[in-house]
Structure formats: C-alpha cells, structure tokens
Amino acid sequence: MSEIIYVTEEGLQKLKNELDLLRNIERPMISRQIADARDKGDLSENAEYAAAKEAQGMLEMKISKLQDLVARSRILDETKLDISSVRILHRVKIRNQSNDSVMEYQLVPESEANFKLGKIAVSSPIAQGLIGKKVGDIVQIKVPSGVIPFEIISISI
C-alpha cells in the first residue's frame, strides 16, 4: 500500500497547479513538436522526432508521479495541532548552545521544504531530532559536522 503524504492546503494546491500546467500546456506542446518532426520525413533518421518522443516519455513520467502524490496527499488541519511538543507544521525556535545563535524553522512535508524560507523537511536530521520534544528541552542533533546541542526556545503554529 502506498504511503500517505501529509501536506498543507497551500502545498496541495501547488502540486495541483504544477500537474495542470504539465497536462494542459506542456503535453500539447510536446505533441505539436512530435507532429512537426513527423512531417519532416523518415522517422528512422529524424533526431528531432527522437528527442520529442524522449521528452514526451519524461513528461508522462513526471505527470504520473505528480498524480500519485496528489492521490496520496492528505491535508493537515493546522487548527487541530497541539503545540505542547514539536510536530509537523510547527514553527520551532531553537538556540545552538555551541555558538548561542538562534534559528527558527517550520517543519513541513518533503514536498514543501525550502531552507531559504525556513521550512525544513520533517524527515531532515534536525527535524527528526526535534519531533516530540518540548520547550526547554536540550536535544543533541547529529549533523555532518558533528553533534550540536540545541535548546528549544518556543513552539508555535
């Protein structure tokens, strides 16, 4: 059985928009490219035709993957989230006890992760170390450069 993917309403809409773009714009465009290449003659020696067919195969694979993601997605209701401990969709403010720097991250599903916006995937090492912890807890998180102690300062939605 396929694994359920939890997303925000915004994340699901983003997936649906991308799927619509691929189906309604990219797919017809590649079909036209194939038709144009086919009109140029011998298909066995037509590089344009081969390239267009390969692009079509890649596009159909991407569409199929997105359809699967949308079908397995379940929207998380942010209003029903308990902030007594760290969970998915929570914003967590943490202090690196090694250098006293403070960071804030939101734990999001894989498909919505964007480090520049402070959104980290719930499966990342930092998020995995924070899940289930409470305000005031000190967690030891293993990162590529070693183990870093973090203190949880606040949890919010």
N, C-alpha and C. Protein backbone atom coordinates (compact mmCIF):
# COMPACT_ATOMS: atom_id res chain seq x y z
N MET A 1 0.83 -1.18 0.00
CA MET A 1 0.00 0.00 0.00
C MET A 1 0.88 1.25 0.00
N SER A 2 0.47 2.26 -0.70
CA SER A 2 1.23 3.49 -0.79
C SER A 2 1.16 4.28 0.51
N GLU A 3 2.23 4.98 0.78
CA GLU A 3 2.33 5.77 2.00
C GLU A 3 1.59 7.09 1.83
N ILE A 4 0.85 7.50 2.87
CA ILE A 4 0.13 8.77 2.85
C ILE A 4 1.13 9.90 3.06
N ILE A 5 0.91 10.98 2.35
CA ILE A 5 1.77 12.16 2.46
C ILE A 5 0.93 13.28 3.05
N TYR A 6 1.39 13.86 4.14
CA TYR A 6 0.67 14.96 4.76
C TYR A 6 1.21 16.28 4.23
N VAL A 7 0.30 17.14 3.78
CA VAL A 7 0.67 18.42 3.20
C VAL A 7 -0.25 19.51 3.74
N THR A 8 0.17 20.74 3.53
CA THR A 8 -0.70 21.86 3.86
C THR A 8 -1.63 22.08 2.67
N GLU A 9 -2.66 22.87 2.89
CA GLU A 9 -3.58 23.17 1.79
C GLU A 9 -2.83 23.89 0.67
N GLU A 10 -1.93 24.79 1.06
CA GLU A 10 -1.10 25.52 0.09
C GLU A 10 -0.21 24.57 -0.70
N GLY A 11 0.37 23.59 -0.02
CA GLY A 11 1.24 22.62 -0.68
C GLY A 11 0.49 21.76 -1.68
N LEU A 12 -0.72 21.34 -1.32
CA LEU A 12 -1.53 20.53 -2.23
C LEU A 12 -1.93 21.34 -3.45
N GLN A 13 -2.29 22.61 -3.24
CA GLN A 13 -2.67 23.46 -4.36
C GLN A 13 -1.49 23.65 -5.31
N LYS A 14 -0.29 23.78 -4.76
CA LYS A 14 0.91 23.92 -5.58
C LYS A 14 1.13 22.69 -6.44
N LEU A 15 0.95 21.49 -5.85
CA LEU A 15 1.08 20.25 -6.62
C LEU A 15 0.04 20.18 -7.74
N LYS A 16 -1.20 20.55 -7.42
CA LYS A 16 -2.27 20.51 -8.42
C LYS A 16 -2.01 21.51 -9.55
N ASN A 17 -1.51 22.69 -9.21
CA ASN A 17 -1.20 23.69 -10.24
C ASN A 17 -0.10 23.20 -11.17
N GLU A 18 0.92 22.57 -10.61
CA GLU A 18 2.00 22.04 -11.43
C GLU A 18 1.49 20.93 -12.35
N LEU A 19 0.62 20.07 -11.82
CA LEU A 19 0.03 18.99 -12.61
C LEU A 19 -0.81 19.55 -13.75
N ASP A 20 -1.61 20.58 -13.48
CA ASP A 20 -2.41 21.21 -14.53
C ASP A 20 -1.54 21.82 -15.61
N LEU A 21 -0.44 22.46 -15.21
CA LEU A 21 0.48 23.06 -16.17
C LEU A 21 1.06 21.99 -17.09
N LEU A 22 1.48 20.88 -16.51
CA LEU A 22 2.06 19.80 -17.32
C LEU A 22 1.04 19.20 -18.27
N ARG A 23 -0.17 18.97 -17.77
CA ARG A 23 -1.21 18.36 -18.60
C ARG A 23 -1.71 19.28 -19.70
N ASN A 24 -1.98 20.54 -19.37
CA ASN A 24 -2.68 21.44 -20.28
C ASN A 24 -1.78 22.30 -21.15
N ILE A 25 -0.52 22.44 -20.78
CA ILE A 25 0.38 23.28 -21.58
C ILE A 25 1.54 22.47 -22.15
N GLU A 26 2.26 21.78 -21.26
CA GLU A 26 3.44 21.03 -21.71
C GLU A 26 3.07 19.85 -22.63
N ARG A 27 2.05 19.09 -22.25
CA ARG A 27 1.67 17.91 -23.04
C ARG A 27 1.28 18.29 -24.48
N PRO A 28 0.38 19.27 -24.68
CA PRO A 28 0.03 19.66 -26.06
C PRO A 28 1.23 20.21 -26.84
N MET A 29 2.13 20.93 -26.15
CA MET A 29 3.29 21.48 -26.81
C MET A 29 4.20 20.36 -27.35
N ILE A 30 4.41 19.32 -26.55
CA ILE A 30 5.25 18.21 -27.00
C ILE A 30 4.55 17.44 -28.12
N SER A 31 3.25 17.32 -28.04
CA SER A 31 2.50 16.65 -29.13
C SER A 31 2.69 17.39 -30.45
N ARG A 32 2.67 18.73 -30.38
CA ARG A 32 2.89 19.52 -31.60
C ARG A 32 4.32 19.32 -32.13
N GLN A 33 5.29 19.24 -31.21
CA GLN A 33 6.68 19.03 -31.63
C GLN A 33 6.83 17.68 -32.33
N ILE A 34 6.16 16.67 -31.79
CA ILE A 34 6.21 15.33 -32.41
C ILE A 34 5.58 15.37 -33.80
N ALA A 35 4.43 16.03 -33.91
CA ALA A 35 3.75 16.13 -35.21
C ALA A 35 4.61 16.89 -36.22
N ASP A 36 5.23 17.97 -35.79
CA ASP A 36 6.10 18.75 -36.70
C ASP A 36 7.28 17.91 -37.15
N ALA A 37 7.89 17.18 -36.23
CA ALA A 37 9.05 16.34 -36.57
C ALA A 37 8.63 15.21 -37.49
N ARG A 38 7.44 14.64 -37.28
CA ARG A 38 6.94 13.54 -38.10
C ARG A 38 6.72 14.01 -39.54
N ASP A 39 6.31 15.25 -39.70
CA ASP A 39 6.05 15.80 -41.03
C ASP A 39 7.33 16.01 -41.85
N LYS A 40 8.48 15.93 -41.19
CA LYS A 40 9.74 16.19 -41.88
C LYS A 40 10.31 14.96 -42.57
N GLY A 41 9.60 13.85 -42.54
CA GLY A 41 10.06 12.71 -43.33
C GLY A 41 10.44 11.49 -42.53
N ASP A 42 11.46 10.78 -43.01
CA ASP A 42 11.91 9.50 -42.48
C ASP A 42 12.15 9.55 -40.97
N LEU A 43 11.35 8.80 -40.22
CA LEU A 43 11.43 8.83 -38.77
C LEU A 43 12.67 8.10 -38.24
N SER A 44 13.21 7.16 -39.01
CA SER A 44 14.36 6.39 -38.52
C SER A 44 15.62 7.24 -38.40
N GLU A 45 15.69 8.32 -39.15
CA GLU A 45 16.87 9.18 -39.09
C GLU A 45 16.52 10.60 -38.66
N ASN A 46 15.41 10.75 -37.97
CA ASN A 46 14.93 12.07 -37.58
C ASN A 46 15.25 12.32 -36.10
N ALA A 47 16.30 13.08 -35.84
CA ALA A 47 16.74 13.36 -34.46
C ALA A 47 15.72 14.19 -33.70
N GLU A 48 15.04 15.10 -34.40
CA GLU A 48 14.02 15.93 -33.75
C GLU A 48 12.89 15.06 -33.22
N TYR A 49 12.49 14.08 -34.03
CA TYR A 49 11.41 13.18 -33.63
C TYR A 49 11.82 12.36 -32.41
N ALA A 50 13.03 11.82 -32.43
CA ALA A 50 13.52 11.02 -31.31
C ALA A 50 13.59 11.85 -30.04
N ALA A 51 14.06 13.09 -30.15
CA ALA A 51 14.16 13.97 -28.98
C ALA A 51 12.79 14.31 -28.43
N ALA A 52 11.85 14.58 -29.32
CA ALA A 52 10.49 14.92 -28.89
C ALA A 52 9.81 13.73 -28.22
N LYS A 53 10.02 12.53 -28.76
CA LYS A 53 9.44 11.32 -28.15
C LYS A 53 10.05 11.07 -26.77
N GLU A 54 11.35 11.31 -26.63
CA GLU A 54 12.00 11.13 -25.33
C GLU A 54 11.45 12.16 -24.33
N ALA A 55 11.28 13.41 -24.77
CA ALA A 55 10.73 14.45 -23.91
C ALA A 55 9.31 14.09 -23.48
N GLN A 56 8.56 13.49 -24.41
CA GLN A 56 7.19 13.07 -24.09
C GLN A 56 7.20 11.99 -23.01
N GLY A 57 8.11 11.06 -23.12
CA GLY A 57 8.21 9.99 -22.13
C GLY A 57 8.55 10.54 -20.75
N MET A 58 9.49 11.49 -20.71
CA MET A 58 9.87 12.11 -19.44
C MET A 58 8.70 12.89 -18.84
N LEU A 59 7.98 13.61 -19.68
CA LEU A 59 6.83 14.39 -19.22
C LEU A 59 5.75 13.48 -18.65
N GLU A 60 5.45 12.40 -19.36
CA GLU A 60 4.42 11.48 -18.89
C GLU A 60 4.82 10.83 -17.56
N MET A 61 6.11 10.58 -17.38
CA MET A 61 6.59 10.02 -16.12
C MET A 61 6.39 11.03 -14.99
N LYS A 62 6.70 12.30 -15.27
CA LYS A 62 6.53 13.35 -14.26
C LYS A 62 5.06 13.54 -13.92
N ILE A 63 4.18 13.51 -14.93
CA ILE A 63 2.74 13.64 -14.70
C ILE A 63 2.25 12.49 -13.83
N SER A 64 2.69 11.30 -14.14
CA SER A 64 2.29 10.13 -13.37
C SER A 64 2.72 10.25 -11.90
N LYS A 65 3.94 10.71 -11.69
CA LYS A 65 4.46 10.87 -10.32
C LYS A 65 3.64 11.92 -9.56
N LEU A 66 3.33 13.03 -10.21
CA LEU A 66 2.53 14.07 -9.55
C LEU A 66 1.11 13.59 -9.25
N GLN A 67 0.52 12.83 -10.19
CA GLN A 67 -0.82 12.28 -9.95
C GLN A 67 -0.80 11.38 -8.72
N ASP A 68 0.24 10.58 -8.59
CA ASP A 68 0.38 9.70 -7.44
C ASP A 68 0.51 10.51 -6.15
N LEU A 69 1.33 11.55 -6.16
CA LEU A 69 1.50 12.41 -4.99
C LEU A 69 0.18 13.06 -4.57
N VAL A 70 -0.56 13.59 -5.53
CA VAL A 70 -1.83 14.23 -5.23
C VAL A 70 -2.82 13.21 -4.67
N ALA A 71 -2.84 12.02 -5.23
CA ALA A 71 -3.77 10.98 -4.76
C ALA A 71 -3.45 10.54 -3.33
N ARG A 72 -2.18 10.52 -2.97
CA ARG A 72 -1.79 10.07 -1.62
C ARG A 72 -1.76 11.19 -0.59
N SER A 73 -1.97 12.43 -1.02
CA SER A 73 -1.87 13.58 -0.12
C SER A 73 -3.10 13.73 0.76
N ARG A 74 -2.84 14.09 2.00
CA ARG A 74 -3.89 14.39 2.97
C ARG A 74 -3.55 15.75 3.57
N ILE A 75 -4.55 16.62 3.66
CA ILE A 75 -4.32 17.97 4.19
C ILE A 75 -4.34 17.93 5.71
N LEU A 76 -3.32 18.56 6.29
CA LEU A 76 -3.25 18.68 7.75
C LEU A 76 -4.06 19.90 8.19
N ASP A 77 -4.87 19.73 9.20
CA ASP A 77 -5.66 20.83 9.74
C ASP A 77 -4.83 21.52 10.82
N GLU A 78 -4.32 22.70 10.50
CA GLU A 78 -3.43 23.41 11.41
C GLU A 78 -4.14 23.83 12.70
N THR A 79 -5.46 23.97 12.67
CA THR A 79 -6.19 24.41 13.86
C THR A 79 -6.27 23.32 14.93
N LYS A 80 -6.04 22.08 14.54
CA LYS A 80 -6.15 20.97 15.49
C LYS A 80 -4.79 20.48 15.99
N LEU A 81 -3.73 21.23 15.68
CA LEU A 81 -2.40 20.82 16.10
C LEU A 81 -2.13 21.27 17.53
N ASP A 82 -1.61 20.36 18.34
CA ASP A 82 -1.24 20.62 19.73
C ASP A 82 0.20 21.13 19.75
N ILE A 83 0.43 22.26 20.40
CA ILE A 83 1.79 22.81 20.40
C ILE A 83 2.55 22.53 21.70
N SER A 84 2.12 21.53 22.45
CA SER A 84 2.85 21.19 23.67
C SER A 84 4.17 20.51 23.36
N SER A 85 4.27 19.88 22.19
CA SER A 85 5.53 19.28 21.75
C SER A 85 5.66 19.49 20.24
N VAL A 86 6.87 19.36 19.75
CA VAL A 86 7.17 19.63 18.34
C VAL A 86 6.54 18.56 17.43
N ARG A 87 5.81 19.01 16.44
CA ARG A 87 5.18 18.15 15.43
C ARG A 87 5.30 18.82 14.06
N ILE A 88 4.85 18.11 13.05
CA ILE A 88 4.84 18.65 11.69
C ILE A 88 3.98 19.91 11.64
N LEU A 89 4.38 20.88 10.86
CA LEU A 89 3.78 22.20 10.65
C LEU A 89 4.07 23.19 11.76
N HIS A 90 4.71 22.77 12.83
CA HIS A 90 5.05 23.70 13.90
C HIS A 90 6.26 24.56 13.52
N ARG A 91 6.26 25.78 14.04
CA ARG A 91 7.44 26.65 13.96
C ARG A 91 8.19 26.45 15.26
N VAL A 92 9.47 26.19 15.15
CA VAL A 92 10.28 25.91 16.33
C VAL A 92 11.46 26.88 16.35
N LYS A 93 11.58 27.60 17.46
CA LYS A 93 12.73 28.48 17.64
C LYS A 93 13.72 27.74 18.53
N ILE A 94 14.95 27.59 18.01
CA ILE A 94 15.97 26.85 18.75
C ILE A 94 17.23 27.68 18.90
N ARG A 95 17.98 27.41 19.97
CA ARG A 95 19.25 28.09 20.20
C ARG A 95 20.37 27.06 20.13
N ASN A 96 21.34 27.33 19.28
CA ASN A 96 22.52 26.49 19.19
C ASN A 96 23.36 26.80 20.42
N GLN A 97 23.53 25.83 21.30
CA GLN A 97 24.25 26.08 22.54
C GLN A 97 25.76 26.18 22.35
N SER A 98 26.25 25.77 21.20
CA SER A 98 27.68 25.87 20.93
C SER A 98 28.10 27.30 20.63
N ASN A 99 27.29 28.01 19.83
CA ASN A 99 27.65 29.38 19.44
C ASN A 99 26.60 30.41 19.81
N ASP A 100 25.55 29.99 20.52
CA ASP A 100 24.49 30.86 21.02
C ASP A 100 23.65 31.52 19.92
N SER A 101 23.68 30.98 18.70
CA SER A 101 22.85 31.53 17.63
C SER A 101 21.43 30.99 17.74
N VAL A 102 20.46 31.80 17.34
CA VAL A 102 19.04 31.41 17.41
C VAL A 102 18.51 31.26 15.99
N MET A 103 17.79 30.18 15.75
CA MET A 103 17.20 29.91 14.44
C MET A 103 15.74 29.55 14.62
N GLU A 104 14.95 29.79 13.59
CA GLU A 104 13.55 29.39 13.62
C GLU A 104 13.25 28.62 12.34
N TYR A 105 12.65 27.45 12.51
CA TYR A 105 12.29 26.61 11.37
C TYR A 105 10.84 26.19 11.49
N GLN A 106 10.24 25.96 10.33
CA GLN A 106 8.93 25.33 10.30
C GLN A 106 9.13 23.93 9.74
N LEU A 107 8.58 22.92 10.42
CA LEU A 107 8.70 21.54 9.97
C LEU A 107 7.56 21.26 8.99
N VAL A 108 7.91 20.93 7.76
CA VAL A 108 6.93 20.74 6.70
C VAL A 108 7.15 19.42 5.98
N PRO A 109 6.16 18.96 5.19
CA PRO A 109 6.36 17.75 4.39
C PRO A 109 7.49 17.96 3.37
N GLU A 110 8.05 16.85 2.91
CA GLU A 110 9.16 16.88 1.95
C GLU A 110 8.89 17.81 0.77
N SER A 111 7.68 17.73 0.22
CA SER A 111 7.36 18.47 -1.00
C SER A 111 7.32 19.98 -0.79
N GLU A 112 7.26 20.44 0.46
CA GLU A 112 7.16 21.87 0.73
C GLU A 112 8.43 22.46 1.32
N ALA A 113 9.45 21.65 1.51
CA ALA A 113 10.69 22.12 2.13
C ALA A 113 11.35 23.20 1.29
N ASN A 114 11.80 24.26 1.95
CA ASN A 114 12.52 25.35 1.30
C ASN A 114 13.37 26.02 2.37
N PHE A 115 14.63 25.67 2.44
CA PHE A 115 15.51 26.12 3.51
C PHE A 115 15.62 27.65 3.54
N LYS A 116 15.61 28.28 2.36
CA LYS A 116 15.70 29.74 2.32
C LYS A 116 14.53 30.41 3.02
N LEU A 117 13.37 29.75 3.03
CA LEU A 117 12.18 30.30 3.70
C LEU A 117 12.04 29.77 5.12
N GLY A 118 13.03 29.02 5.58
CA GLY A 118 12.98 28.49 6.94
C GLY A 118 12.08 27.28 7.08
N LYS A 119 11.79 26.61 5.97
CA LYS A 119 10.93 25.42 6.01
C LYS A 119 11.81 24.20 5.78
N ILE A 120 11.90 23.34 6.80
CA ILE A 120 12.73 22.14 6.67
C ILE A 120 11.85 20.90 6.63
N ALA A 121 12.29 19.92 5.88
CA ALA A 121 11.54 18.67 5.74
C ALA A 121 11.50 17.94 7.06
N VAL A 122 10.34 17.39 7.37
CA VAL A 122 10.13 16.69 8.63
C VAL A 122 11.06 15.47 8.74
N SER A 123 11.59 15.01 7.62
CA SER A 123 12.49 13.86 7.63
C SER A 123 13.97 14.25 7.76
N SER A 124 14.26 15.56 7.81
CA SER A 124 15.65 16.01 7.93
C SER A 124 16.20 15.68 9.32
N PRO A 125 17.52 15.57 9.45
CA PRO A 125 18.11 15.24 10.76
C PRO A 125 17.70 16.21 11.88
N ILE A 126 17.68 17.51 11.57
CA ILE A 126 17.30 18.49 12.60
C ILE A 126 15.85 18.27 13.02
N ALA A 127 14.95 18.14 12.05
CA ALA A 127 13.53 17.94 12.37
C ALA A 127 13.32 16.63 13.14
N GLN A 128 14.00 15.58 12.72
CA GLN A 128 13.86 14.29 13.42
C GLN A 128 14.31 14.40 14.87
N GLY A 129 15.35 15.20 15.12
CA GLY A 129 15.83 15.39 16.48
C GLY A 129 14.88 16.22 17.34
N LEU A 130 14.08 17.07 16.69
CA LEU A 130 13.18 17.96 17.43
C LEU A 130 11.80 17.35 17.69
N ILE A 131 11.35 16.45 16.83
CA ILE A 131 10.00 15.91 16.94
C ILE A 131 9.77 15.26 18.31
N GLY A 132 8.65 15.65 18.91
CA GLY A 132 8.25 15.08 20.20
C GLY A 132 8.84 15.80 21.40
N LYS A 133 9.76 16.73 21.17
CA LYS A 133 10.40 17.45 22.28
C LYS A 133 9.54 18.65 22.69
N LYS A 134 9.80 19.17 23.90
CA LYS A 134 9.03 20.27 24.46
C LYS A 134 9.91 21.50 24.67
N VAL A 135 9.28 22.66 24.92
CA VAL A 135 10.00 23.89 25.19
C VAL A 135 10.90 23.67 26.41
N GLY A 136 12.14 24.10 26.29
CA GLY A 136 13.11 23.95 27.37
C GLY A 136 14.00 22.72 27.23
N ASP A 137 13.58 21.76 26.41
CA ASP A 137 14.38 20.55 26.21
C ASP A 137 15.68 20.89 25.49
N ILE A 138 16.73 20.17 25.84
CA ILE A 138 18.01 20.28 25.14
C ILE A 138 18.15 18.99 24.32
N VAL A 139 18.35 19.15 23.03
CA VAL A 139 18.48 17.98 22.15
C VAL A 139 19.86 17.96 21.51
N GLN A 140 20.39 16.78 21.36
CA GLN A 140 21.68 16.59 20.69
C GLN A 140 21.36 16.12 19.27
N ILE A 141 21.68 16.95 18.29
CA ILE A 141 21.35 16.61 16.90
C ILE A 141 22.63 16.36 16.12
N LYS A 142 22.66 15.19 15.49
CA LYS A 142 23.82 14.81 14.68
C LYS A 142 23.68 15.43 13.29
N VAL A 143 24.67 16.23 12.94
CA VAL A 143 24.73 16.87 11.63
C VAL A 143 26.07 16.47 11.00
N PRO A 144 26.27 16.74 9.71
CA PRO A 144 27.52 16.33 9.07
C PRO A 144 28.79 16.80 9.79
N SER A 145 28.72 17.97 10.45
CA SER A 145 29.91 18.50 11.11
C SER A 145 30.09 17.98 12.54
N GLY A 146 29.17 17.12 12.99
CA GLY A 146 29.27 16.56 14.34
C GLY A 146 27.93 16.61 15.07
N VAL A 147 27.99 16.58 16.39
CA VAL A 147 26.77 16.64 17.19
C VAL A 147 26.65 18.03 17.80
N ILE A 148 25.49 18.65 17.62
CA ILE A 148 25.27 20.01 18.11
C ILE A 148 24.13 20.00 19.14
N PRO A 149 24.35 20.63 20.30
CA PRO A 149 23.26 20.72 21.28
C PRO A 149 22.38 21.93 20.99
N PHE A 150 21.07 21.70 20.91
CA PHE A 150 20.11 22.78 20.68
C PHE A 150 19.13 22.83 21.85
N GLU A 151 18.75 24.04 22.23
CA GLU A 151 17.70 24.23 23.24
C GLU A 151 16.46 24.70 22.53
N ILE A 152 15.31 24.11 22.83
CA ILE A 152 14.05 24.54 22.22
C ILE A 152 13.54 25.73 23.01
N ILE A 153 13.44 26.88 22.34
CA ILE A 153 13.01 28.12 22.97
C ILE A 153 11.49 28.28 22.91
N SER A 154 10.91 28.02 21.74
CA SER A 154 9.46 28.17 21.60
C SER A 154 8.92 27.27 20.50
N ILE A 155 7.63 26.97 20.63
CA ILE A 155 6.91 26.18 19.62
C ILE A 155 5.63 26.95 19.30
N SER A 156 5.37 27.16 18.00
CA SER A 156 4.16 27.86 17.61
C SER A 156 3.66 27.29 16.29
N ILE A 157 2.51 27.81 15.85
CA ILE A 157 1.96 27.34 14.57
C ILE A 157 2.15 28.41 13.54
